[in-house]
Amino acid sequence: MRSGVSRRRMLQAVGAAALVSSAPRSRALAALPDVSQMPSESKDTPKICLGLWGKADDAAMRAVKQIGVDSVLSGGPRQIPWEESEIRSRIDQFKAAGLTLCNMMISGFRDVIWGKPGADQQIENVIKSIRAAGAAGLPVIEYNFYAHRLTEGYKEEIGRGGAGLTAYDYELSKDLPPEEAGTHTRAEQLKRAEHFLKAIVPEAEKANVRLALHPNDPPVPLSRGSEQLMATVEHWKEYLDLVKSPYNGMTFDCGVTRETGEDPVAVCRYLGERDCINHVHFRNVVVRKPSVDYTEVFLDEGQVDMFPVMRELVRQKYPRAIYPEHPRALDIDRERGEIENQYPGGGGFAGEIYNVAYTRAMLQAALTL
């Protein structure tokens, strides 16, 4: 009975093995027949990114590259309008380190949100910033449209092995009085948003810069007396319909989607079919009561089934950034003093390494289907 392996084929295999033992790894892989590489990011796949805030130094950029991340986002210049030269300088700095700047956050237009006299001038400053971003080659600008953000309800919760988690409890802050922002109805904010979008979206289209509005997070009904503009998925749809354009898009946050009680995969599909996902936040939560009582947890242990979310993004050929944000607080980051202090229970770079590795595994698995 013949084995089906010829003497010649066996000798070829032995020869290939000898080449492998003596050649450098790159040449060794080339010498082996039928060796396939792990799937990787390409033009039509999500791009895993991390945030590098402020002035990113060489060490920070090197650390990001070492864990396989090629895209970064950052906060934009504090003052608007932005200047093309400054944006181009940031892009070039990251490019020299092998990184692509995929997104910058813009602010500085509170008068627009609050309906103050300086609103039109601030809209003009945003338009100039969009033009500068387009000229420099920045693909996405992210922004918020909060009358007020009720962060006072955040608290730390202890998770597995003593890791820090970020919990939210509306009861801690729902009765807080108004501050500088005053109080604003959702109808007022929606009217202001429509005026804002009708002015800036045509400019974004001309500049080829997509706009990504982050939904209200926490998605509570009232924030120091002000109603929320983007606290439910129905609100999101209404906002996107104010000016229908792929450039009037949003940050799809699967964690916030679950916080509101909605199905992240179904919402991702709805937004993707309309080509208005311009940025993605990839994180997980455990919700006890939608919108008002939940905990941000590790990517692998919440109520969001992360793989179907990634699979849907891959199916859509979503090509922009996906940010595995809000790392959990690990002891190694605590010991190094690298804990993010913005929210209780937030972590540092070791937590980000975990997030990136998990997200990379989800992406590679989705790309093999």
Protein backbone atom coordinates (compact mmCIF):
# COMPACT_ATOMS: atom_id res chain seq x y z
CA MET A 1 0.00 0.00 0.00
CA ARG A 2 1.50 3.33 -1.03
CA SER A 3 1.64 6.19 1.44
CA GLY A 4 0.81 8.89 -1.12
CA VAL A 5 4.08 10.75 -0.31
CA SER A 6 6.71 10.25 -2.98
CA ARG A 7 10.40 9.92 -2.21
CA ARG A 8 10.98 13.12 -4.18
CA ARG A 9 8.39 15.05 -2.13
CA MET A 10 9.96 13.76 1.10
CA LEU A 11 13.40 14.92 0.03
CA GLN A 12 11.95 18.32 -0.85
CA ALA A 13 10.41 18.60 2.63
CA VAL A 14 13.69 17.61 4.28
CA GLY A 15 15.50 20.20 2.22
CA ALA A 16 12.99 22.88 3.20
CA ALA A 17 13.43 21.97 6.85
CA ALA A 18 17.19 22.32 6.51
CA LEU A 19 16.71 25.75 4.98
CA VAL A 20 14.45 26.75 7.85
CA SER A 21 17.01 25.73 10.48
CA SER A 22 19.78 27.77 8.91
CA ALA A 23 17.96 30.81 7.48
CA PRO A 24 16.76 33.98 9.21
CA ARG A 25 13.06 33.92 10.13
CA SER A 26 11.90 36.04 7.18
CA ARG A 27 13.72 33.81 4.70
CA ALA A 28 12.60 30.70 6.55
CA LEU A 29 8.93 31.57 6.14
CA ALA A 30 9.48 32.19 2.46
CA ALA A 31 11.10 28.75 2.11
CA LEU A 32 8.11 26.88 3.55
CA PRO A 33 5.33 25.93 1.13
CA ASP A 34 1.74 26.99 1.83
CA VAL A 35 2.55 29.20 4.83
CA SER A 36 -0.21 31.78 5.27
CA GLN A 37 0.10 35.00 7.24
CA MET A 38 -2.35 36.17 9.87
CA PRO A 39 -4.94 38.56 8.38
CA SER A 40 -4.07 42.20 8.87
CA GLU A 41 -5.53 45.65 8.47
CA SER A 42 -6.01 46.92 4.94
CA LYS A 43 -7.79 49.66 3.04
CA ASP A 44 -11.26 48.21 3.70
CA THR A 45 -10.89 47.04 7.31
CA PRO A 46 -11.14 48.77 10.68
CA LYS A 47 -7.89 50.37 11.86
CA ILE A 48 -7.12 49.81 15.54
CA CYS A 49 -6.04 53.08 17.13
CA LEU A 50 -4.99 54.50 20.48
CA GLY A 51 -5.07 58.03 21.82
CA LEU A 52 -1.88 60.04 22.21
CA TRP A 53 -2.83 63.25 23.94
CA GLY A 54 -0.86 66.47 24.26
CA LYS A 55 2.64 66.43 22.80
CA ALA A 56 3.42 62.81 22.05
CA ASP A 57 7.09 62.02 22.71
CA ASP A 58 9.22 59.43 20.93
CA ALA A 59 8.85 56.90 23.75
CA ALA A 60 5.05 57.04 23.66
CA MET A 61 4.95 56.64 19.89
CA ARG A 62 7.45 53.78 20.04
CA ALA A 63 5.36 52.01 22.70
CA VAL A 64 2.25 52.23 20.52
CA LYS A 65 4.10 50.82 17.51
CA GLN A 66 5.51 47.95 19.56
CA ILE A 67 2.03 46.61 20.31
CA GLY A 68 1.04 46.65 16.65
CA VAL A 69 -0.96 49.89 16.54
CA ASP A 70 -0.39 52.04 13.46
CA SER A 71 -3.13 54.66 13.91
CA VAL A 72 -3.55 57.29 16.60
CA LEU A 73 -5.98 60.01 17.55
CA SER A 74 -5.49 63.11 19.65
CA GLY A 75 -7.13 66.22 20.90
CA GLY A 76 -6.90 69.12 18.51
CA PRO A 77 -5.47 72.55 19.25
CA ARG A 78 -7.40 74.20 22.09
CA GLN A 79 -7.97 77.40 20.20
CA ILE A 80 -10.07 77.52 17.08
CA PRO A 81 -9.78 78.13 14.22
CA TRP A 82 -7.10 75.49 13.67
CA GLU A 83 -4.17 76.29 11.43
CA GLU A 84 -3.22 73.99 8.57
CA SER A 85 0.46 74.22 9.47
CA GLU A 86 -0.12 73.00 13.01
CA ILE A 87 -2.23 70.04 11.91
CA ARG A 88 0.26 69.14 9.20
CA SER A 89 3.07 69.31 11.77
CA ARG A 90 1.25 66.79 13.98
CA ILE A 91 0.54 64.49 11.05
CA ASP A 92 4.20 64.62 9.99
CA GLN A 93 5.42 63.93 13.54
CA PHE A 94 3.36 60.77 13.75
CA LYS A 95 4.22 59.76 10.20
CA ALA A 96 7.93 59.89 11.04
CA ALA A 97 7.25 57.31 13.76
CA GLY A 98 5.27 55.09 11.38
CA LEU A 99 1.89 56.23 12.70
CA THR A 100 -1.16 57.71 10.98
CA LEU A 101 -3.15 60.46 12.67
CA CYS A 102 -6.71 59.33 12.00
CA ASN A 103 -8.85 61.66 14.12
CA MET A 104 -8.68 64.83 16.19
CA MET A 105 -11.23 66.14 18.66
CA ILE A 106 -12.48 69.70 18.23
CA SER A 107 -14.04 71.92 20.88
CA GLY A 108 -14.35 75.65 21.49
CA PHE A 109 -17.92 76.25 20.30
CA ARG A 110 -19.93 76.29 23.53
CA ASP A 111 -21.79 79.41 22.44
CA VAL A 112 -23.28 77.31 19.62
CA ILE A 113 -24.43 74.61 22.03
CA TRP A 114 -25.74 77.05 24.63
CA GLY A 115 -27.30 79.50 22.17
CA LYS A 116 -25.08 82.44 23.15
CA PRO A 117 -24.36 85.57 21.07
CA GLY A 118 -20.95 84.34 19.89
CA ALA A 119 -22.40 81.28 18.15
CA ASP A 120 -22.03 82.44 14.53
CA GLN A 121 -18.40 83.44 15.00
CA GLN A 122 -17.64 80.06 16.55
CA ILE A 123 -19.35 78.30 13.66
CA GLU A 124 -17.10 80.22 11.30
CA ASN A 125 -14.09 79.13 13.36
CA VAL A 126 -15.18 75.51 13.09
CA ILE A 127 -15.54 75.89 9.32
CA LYS A 128 -12.03 77.32 9.06
CA SER A 129 -10.76 74.42 11.16
CA ILE A 130 -12.44 71.89 8.86
CA ARG A 131 -10.84 73.54 5.84
CA ALA A 132 -7.44 73.46 7.53
CA ALA A 133 -7.88 69.79 8.45
CA GLY A 134 -8.82 68.93 4.88
CA ALA A 135 -5.86 70.78 3.44
CA ALA A 136 -3.52 68.98 5.84
CA GLY A 137 -5.02 65.55 5.11
CA LEU A 138 -6.79 64.77 8.38
CA PRO A 139 -9.69 62.39 7.57
CA VAL A 140 -11.97 62.71 10.64
CA ILE A 141 -12.90 65.36 13.20
CA GLU A 142 -14.72 64.18 16.33
CA TYR A 143 -16.77 66.43 18.57
CA ASN A 144 -19.32 66.57 21.41
CA PHE A 145 -22.54 68.56 21.60
CA TYR A 146 -23.25 68.45 25.34
CA ALA A 147 -25.18 71.18 27.10
CA HIS A 148 -23.67 69.53 30.16
CA ARG A 149 -22.03 66.16 30.82
CA LEU A 150 -23.08 64.62 34.13
CA THR A 151 -19.78 62.93 35.03
CA GLU A 152 -20.46 63.39 38.74
CA GLY A 153 -22.23 60.02 38.80
CA TYR A 154 -19.07 58.00 38.09
CA LYS A 155 -17.54 55.88 40.86
CA GLU A 156 -14.96 53.11 41.13
CA GLU A 157 -16.04 49.50 41.44
CA ILE A 158 -13.65 46.64 42.12
CA GLY A 159 -13.62 43.83 39.59
CA ARG A 160 -11.76 40.57 39.10
CA GLY A 161 -8.50 40.29 41.00
CA GLY A 162 -8.97 43.78 42.44
CA ALA A 163 -8.92 45.55 39.06
CA GLY A 164 -10.62 48.93 38.91
CA LEU A 165 -13.86 49.27 36.95
CA THR A 166 -15.80 52.44 36.16
CA ALA A 167 -19.41 52.36 37.38
CA TYR A 168 -22.15 54.92 36.86
CA ASP A 169 -25.01 55.69 39.24
CA TYR A 170 -27.46 58.42 38.24
CA GLU A 171 -28.78 58.61 41.80
CA LEU A 172 -25.48 60.20 42.88
CA SER A 173 -25.92 63.22 40.66
CA LYS A 174 -29.43 63.55 39.24
CA ASP A 175 -30.46 66.34 41.63
CA LEU A 176 -27.41 68.55 41.14
CA PRO A 177 -28.30 72.17 40.26
CA PRO A 178 -27.47 73.92 36.95
CA GLU A 179 -24.04 75.50 36.50
CA GLU A 180 -22.55 77.92 33.97
CA ALA A 181 -24.35 76.23 31.11
CA GLY A 182 -27.80 77.01 32.48
CA THR A 183 -30.62 74.70 31.45
CA HIS A 184 -31.56 73.77 27.90
CA THR A 185 -34.35 71.72 26.39
CA ARG A 186 -33.65 69.09 23.79
CA ALA A 187 -35.78 71.01 21.27
CA GLU A 188 -33.55 74.07 21.72
CA GLN A 189 -30.40 72.01 21.27
CA LEU A 190 -31.79 70.24 18.22
CA LYS A 191 -32.58 73.57 16.54
CA ARG A 192 -29.06 74.84 17.30
CA ALA A 193 -27.55 71.60 16.01
CA GLU A 194 -29.48 71.90 12.75
CA HIS A 195 -28.19 75.44 12.22
CA PHE A 196 -24.67 74.21 13.04
CA LEU A 197 -24.82 71.22 10.70
CA LYS A 198 -26.28 73.12 7.77
CA ALA A 199 -23.30 75.46 7.99
CA ILE A 200 -20.47 72.95 8.54
CA VAL A 201 -21.46 69.75 6.69
CA PRO A 202 -21.17 71.25 3.17
CA GLU A 203 -17.71 72.49 4.13
CA ALA A 204 -16.78 69.04 5.45
CA GLU A 205 -17.90 67.50 2.15
CA LYS A 206 -15.73 69.92 0.17
CA ALA A 207 -12.76 69.35 2.49
CA ASN A 208 -13.26 65.54 2.52
CA VAL A 209 -13.26 65.52 6.33
CA ARG A 210 -15.82 63.29 8.01
CA LEU A 211 -17.49 64.53 11.20
CA ALA A 212 -18.10 62.17 14.13
CA LEU A 213 -20.41 63.24 16.95
CA HIS A 214 -20.06 61.18 20.12
CA PRO A 215 -23.42 60.27 21.71
CA ASN A 216 -24.25 61.44 25.23
CA ASP A 217 -22.25 59.39 27.71
CA PRO A 218 -23.54 58.93 30.33
CA PRO A 219 -26.86 58.76 28.43
CA VAL A 220 -28.93 60.05 31.35
CA PRO A 221 -32.22 61.90 30.72
CA LEU A 222 -31.20 65.12 32.51
CA SER A 223 -27.77 66.62 33.15
CA ARG A 224 -27.90 69.42 35.78
CA GLY A 225 -31.32 70.38 34.51
CA SER A 226 -30.60 70.14 30.79
CA GLU A 227 -32.19 67.55 28.55
CA GLN A 228 -29.81 65.46 26.45
CA LEU A 229 -29.44 65.80 22.70
CA MET A 230 -28.04 62.31 22.00
CA ALA A 231 -29.17 60.12 24.91
CA THR A 232 -31.07 57.42 22.95
CA VAL A 233 -30.65 55.64 19.62
CA GLU A 234 -33.81 57.37 18.37
CA HIS A 235 -32.10 60.67 19.20
CA TRP A 236 -29.09 59.55 17.16
CA LYS A 237 -31.26 58.82 14.14
CA GLU A 238 -33.02 62.18 14.44
CA TYR A 239 -29.71 64.03 14.61
CA LEU A 240 -28.32 62.24 11.55
CA ASP A 241 -31.47 63.10 9.61
CA LEU A 242 -31.00 66.84 10.21
CA VAL A 243 -28.50 66.92 7.33
CA LYS A 244 -28.27 63.62 5.49
CA SER A 245 -24.68 63.08 4.45
CA PRO A 246 -21.90 60.56 5.19
CA TYR A 247 -19.98 63.58 6.46
CA ASN A 248 -22.64 64.17 9.12
CA GLY A 249 -21.79 60.98 10.98
CA MET A 250 -21.10 59.83 14.48
CA THR A 251 -18.90 57.81 16.73
CA PHE A 252 -20.52 54.41 17.05
CA ASP A 253 -19.83 53.35 20.64
CA CYS A 254 -21.02 49.77 21.23
CA GLY A 255 -20.70 50.29 25.00
CA VAL A 256 -22.94 53.36 25.04
CA THR A 257 -25.37 51.54 22.74
CA ARG A 258 -25.76 48.81 25.34
CA GLU A 259 -25.97 51.40 28.13
CA THR A 260 -29.12 52.72 26.45
CA GLY A 261 -30.60 49.20 26.37
CA GLU A 262 -30.19 48.71 22.61
CA ASP A 263 -28.62 45.88 20.58
CA PRO A 264 -25.15 47.04 19.44
CA VAL A 265 -25.06 44.77 16.36
CA ALA A 266 -28.45 45.95 15.08
CA VAL A 267 -27.54 49.60 15.67
CA CYS A 268 -24.15 49.11 14.00
CA ARG A 269 -25.90 47.64 10.97
CA TYR A 270 -28.41 50.50 10.82
CA LEU A 271 -25.68 53.15 10.96
CA GLY A 272 -23.42 51.29 8.56
CA GLU A 273 -26.12 50.94 5.94
CA ARG A 274 -26.35 54.73 5.96
CA ASP A 275 -22.56 55.14 5.79
CA CYS A 276 -22.49 57.40 8.82
CA ILE A 277 -20.10 55.52 11.14
CA ASN A 278 -17.10 57.81 11.07
CA HIS A 279 -15.36 56.52 14.19
CA VAL A 280 -15.83 53.53 16.53
CA HIS A 281 -15.37 53.10 20.29
CA PHE A 282 -14.99 49.43 21.21
CA ARG A 283 -15.81 48.69 24.85
CA ASN A 284 -18.03 46.60 27.08
CA VAL A 285 -20.49 47.20 29.93
CA VAL A 286 -22.78 45.45 32.38
CA VAL A 287 -26.12 47.27 32.58
CA ARG A 288 -28.38 46.98 35.59
CA LYS A 289 -30.84 49.67 34.52
CA PRO A 290 -30.51 51.23 31.05
CA SER A 291 -29.00 54.71 30.90
CA VAL A 292 -28.68 55.24 34.65
CA ASP A 293 -26.97 52.27 36.36
CA TYR A 294 -24.14 50.33 34.71
CA THR A 295 -20.46 49.38 34.96
CA GLU A 296 -17.75 49.57 32.33
CA VAL A 297 -15.89 46.25 32.44
CA PHE A 298 -13.16 44.32 30.65
CA LEU A 299 -13.83 43.68 26.97
CA ASP A 300 -14.32 39.96 27.56
CA GLU A 301 -16.86 40.02 30.40
CA GLY A 302 -19.74 42.39 29.65
CA GLN A 303 -23.15 42.21 27.99
CA VAL A 304 -21.88 43.31 24.58
CA ASP A 305 -20.96 40.31 22.44
CA MET A 306 -17.87 41.94 20.98
CA PHE A 307 -17.20 39.46 18.17
CA PRO A 308 -20.52 39.99 16.32
CA VAL A 309 -19.92 43.75 16.56
CA MET A 310 -16.50 43.35 14.96
CA ARG A 311 -17.86 40.91 12.40
CA GLU A 312 -20.53 43.44 11.39
CA LEU A 313 -17.92 46.18 10.95
CA VAL A 314 -15.80 43.86 8.82
CA ARG A 315 -18.87 42.82 6.78
CA GLN A 316 -19.55 46.50 6.09
CA LYS A 317 -15.89 47.00 5.09
CA TYR A 318 -15.77 49.84 7.59
CA PRO A 319 -12.39 51.46 6.81
CA ARG A 320 -11.80 53.98 9.60
CA ALA A 321 -10.51 53.88 13.17
CA ILE A 322 -11.69 51.62 15.98
CA TYR A 323 -10.62 52.70 19.45
CA PRO A 324 -10.56 50.09 22.27
CA GLU A 325 -10.89 52.79 24.88
CA HIS A 326 -11.34 53.02 28.66
CA PRO A 327 -8.73 50.50 29.88
CA ARG A 328 -9.38 48.99 33.27
CA ALA A 329 -7.15 49.84 36.25
CA LEU A 330 -4.51 47.13 36.71
CA ASP A 331 -2.00 46.91 39.56
CA ILE A 332 0.94 47.27 37.19
CA ASP A 333 -0.36 50.66 36.06
CA ARG A 334 -1.12 51.69 39.63
CA GLU A 335 2.43 50.82 40.68
CA ARG A 336 3.87 52.84 37.82
CA GLY A 337 1.62 55.80 38.49
CA GLU A 338 0.06 55.47 35.03
CA ILE A 339 -3.59 55.46 36.04
CA GLU A 340 -5.96 57.61 34.00
CA ASN A 341 -7.51 60.03 36.47
CA GLN A 342 -10.33 61.32 34.30
CA TYR A 343 -12.74 58.64 35.53
CA PRO A 344 -12.68 56.49 38.69
CA GLY A 345 -11.50 52.98 37.86
CA GLY A 346 -9.76 54.03 34.65
CA GLY A 347 -6.46 52.36 33.77
CA GLY A 348 -3.20 53.01 31.95
CA PHE A 349 -0.99 51.59 29.22
CA ALA A 350 -0.92 47.99 30.49
CA GLY A 351 -4.71 48.04 30.35
CA GLU A 352 -4.52 49.43 26.83
CA ILE A 353 -2.20 46.60 25.78
CA TYR A 354 -4.86 44.14 26.92
CA ASN A 355 -7.57 46.05 25.04
CA VAL A 356 -5.53 46.17 21.85
CA ALA A 357 -4.66 42.47 21.99
CA TYR A 358 -8.30 41.49 22.51
CA THR A 359 -9.48 43.79 19.72
CA ARG A 360 -6.79 42.49 17.37
CA ALA A 361 -7.93 38.92 18.02
CA MET A 362 -11.54 39.89 17.30
CA LEU A 363 -10.49 41.62 14.07
CA GLN A 364 -8.32 38.77 12.81
CA ALA A 365 -11.02 36.20 13.61
CA ALA A 366 -13.63 38.29 11.77
CA LEU A 367 -11.36 38.68 8.76
CA THR A 368 -10.98 34.91 8.39
CA LEU A 369 -14.73 34.33 7.94
